[in-house]
């Protein structure tokens, strides 16, 4: 898991994946799946915002073929465990 979610490499990689998804799905559909505002999808696409680890996890869950490469490692759901409400 990247230590700094605003890392330029991660931001660029997520931007590229969002661009690919936008060729197959409407921004509204991506926003619903990722639980973000539609404008955030365009911000991700344009590299203006970095995704949170939760948003990355949702993308990995929503689209089985979705993958992110970060510093030579392909990130998987195991890299982004679900956050719990009990503080653990």
Protein backbone atom coordinates (compact mmCIF):
# COMPACT_ATOMS: atom_id res chain seq x y z
CA UNK A 1 0.00 0.00 0.00
CA UNK A 2 1.39 3.41 -0.87
CA UNK A 3 2.33 5.38 2.21
CA UNK A 4 1.44 8.71 0.61
CA UNK A 5 -1.89 8.61 -1.24
CA UNK A 6 -1.04 11.84 -3.08
CA UNK A 7 2.05 10.23 -4.60
CA UNK A 8 2.32 11.49 -8.22
CA UNK A 9 2.97 7.97 -9.54
CA UNK A 10 -0.17 6.60 -7.91
CA UNK A 11 -2.21 9.61 -9.04
CA UNK A 12 -1.06 9.14 -12.65
CA UNK A 13 -1.75 5.40 -12.58
CA UNK A 14 -5.26 5.88 -11.17
CA UNK A 15 -5.90 8.62 -13.74
CA UNK A 16 -4.98 6.23 -16.56
CA UNK A 17 -7.27 3.51 -15.19
CA UNK A 18 -10.18 5.97 -14.85
CA UNK A 19 -9.64 7.08 -18.45
CA UNK A 20 -9.89 3.44 -19.54
CA UNK A 21 -13.07 2.89 -17.53
CA UNK A 22 -14.62 6.02 -19.04
CA UNK A 23 -14.38 4.40 -22.47
CA UNK A 24 -16.76 1.69 -21.26
CA UNK A 25 -18.88 3.36 -18.58
CA UNK A 26 -20.49 6.73 -17.96
CA UNK A 27 -18.94 8.98 -15.31
CA UNK A 28 -22.19 8.71 -13.35
CA UNK A 29 -21.81 4.91 -13.17
CA UNK A 30 -18.21 5.18 -11.99
CA UNK A 31 -19.22 7.72 -9.36
CA UNK A 32 -21.95 5.44 -8.04
CA UNK A 33 -19.61 2.43 -7.87
CA UNK A 34 -16.85 4.41 -6.12
CA UNK A 35 -19.30 6.35 -3.94
CA UNK A 36 -17.94 9.74 -4.95
CA UNK A 37 -19.41 12.76 -6.71
CA UNK A 38 -19.35 12.70 -10.51
CA UNK A 39 -17.00 15.71 -10.54
CA UNK A 40 -14.46 13.65 -8.57
CA UNK A 41 -14.34 11.14 -11.44
CA UNK A 42 -13.24 13.95 -13.76
CA UNK A 43 -10.75 15.17 -11.16
CA UNK A 44 -9.26 11.66 -10.96
CA UNK A 45 -9.18 11.47 -14.77
CA UNK A 46 -7.38 14.81 -15.02
CA UNK A 47 -4.92 13.96 -12.23
CA UNK A 48 -6.23 16.74 -9.99
CA UNK A 49 -7.09 14.49 -7.04
CA UNK A 50 -5.61 11.36 -5.56
CA UNK A 51 -7.87 8.47 -4.61
CA UNK A 52 -8.15 7.42 -1.00
CA UNK A 53 -7.28 3.83 -0.16
CA UNK A 54 -11.03 3.23 0.29
CA UNK A 55 -11.78 4.45 -3.25
CA UNK A 56 -9.03 2.22 -4.64
CA UNK A 57 -10.48 -0.75 -2.74
CA UNK A 58 -13.96 0.00 -4.14
CA UNK A 59 -12.56 0.12 -7.69
CA UNK A 60 -10.81 -3.22 -7.22
CA UNK A 61 -14.06 -4.73 -5.94
CA UNK A 62 -16.29 -3.19 -8.62
CA UNK A 63 -14.28 -4.18 -11.68
CA UNK A 64 -12.51 -7.56 -11.53
CA UNK A 65 -10.16 -6.58 -14.37
CA UNK A 66 -9.19 -3.31 -12.68
CA UNK A 67 -5.56 -3.19 -11.61
CA UNK A 68 -3.08 -0.64 -10.40
CA UNK A 69 0.66 -0.91 -10.65
CA UNK A 70 2.68 0.99 -8.09
CA UNK A 71 6.49 0.94 -8.03
CA UNK A 72 6.62 -2.35 -9.87
CA UNK A 73 3.95 -4.10 -7.77
CA UNK A 74 0.43 -4.86 -8.91
CA UNK A 75 -1.87 -3.78 -6.10
CA UNK A 76 -4.65 -6.15 -5.02
CA UNK A 77 -7.53 -6.10 -2.56
CA UNK A 78 -5.21 -7.56 0.06
CA UNK A 79 -3.27 -4.28 -0.05
CA UNK A 80 -6.45 -2.39 0.89
CA UNK A 81 -8.25 -4.10 3.76
CA UNK A 82 -11.71 -2.88 4.70
CA UNK A 83 -11.70 -0.29 7.43
CA UNK A 84 -13.55 -1.26 10.59
CA UNK A 85 -15.63 0.98 12.81
CA UNK A 86 -14.21 -0.39 16.05
CA UNK A 87 -10.81 1.24 15.59
CA UNK A 88 -8.95 -2.00 14.80
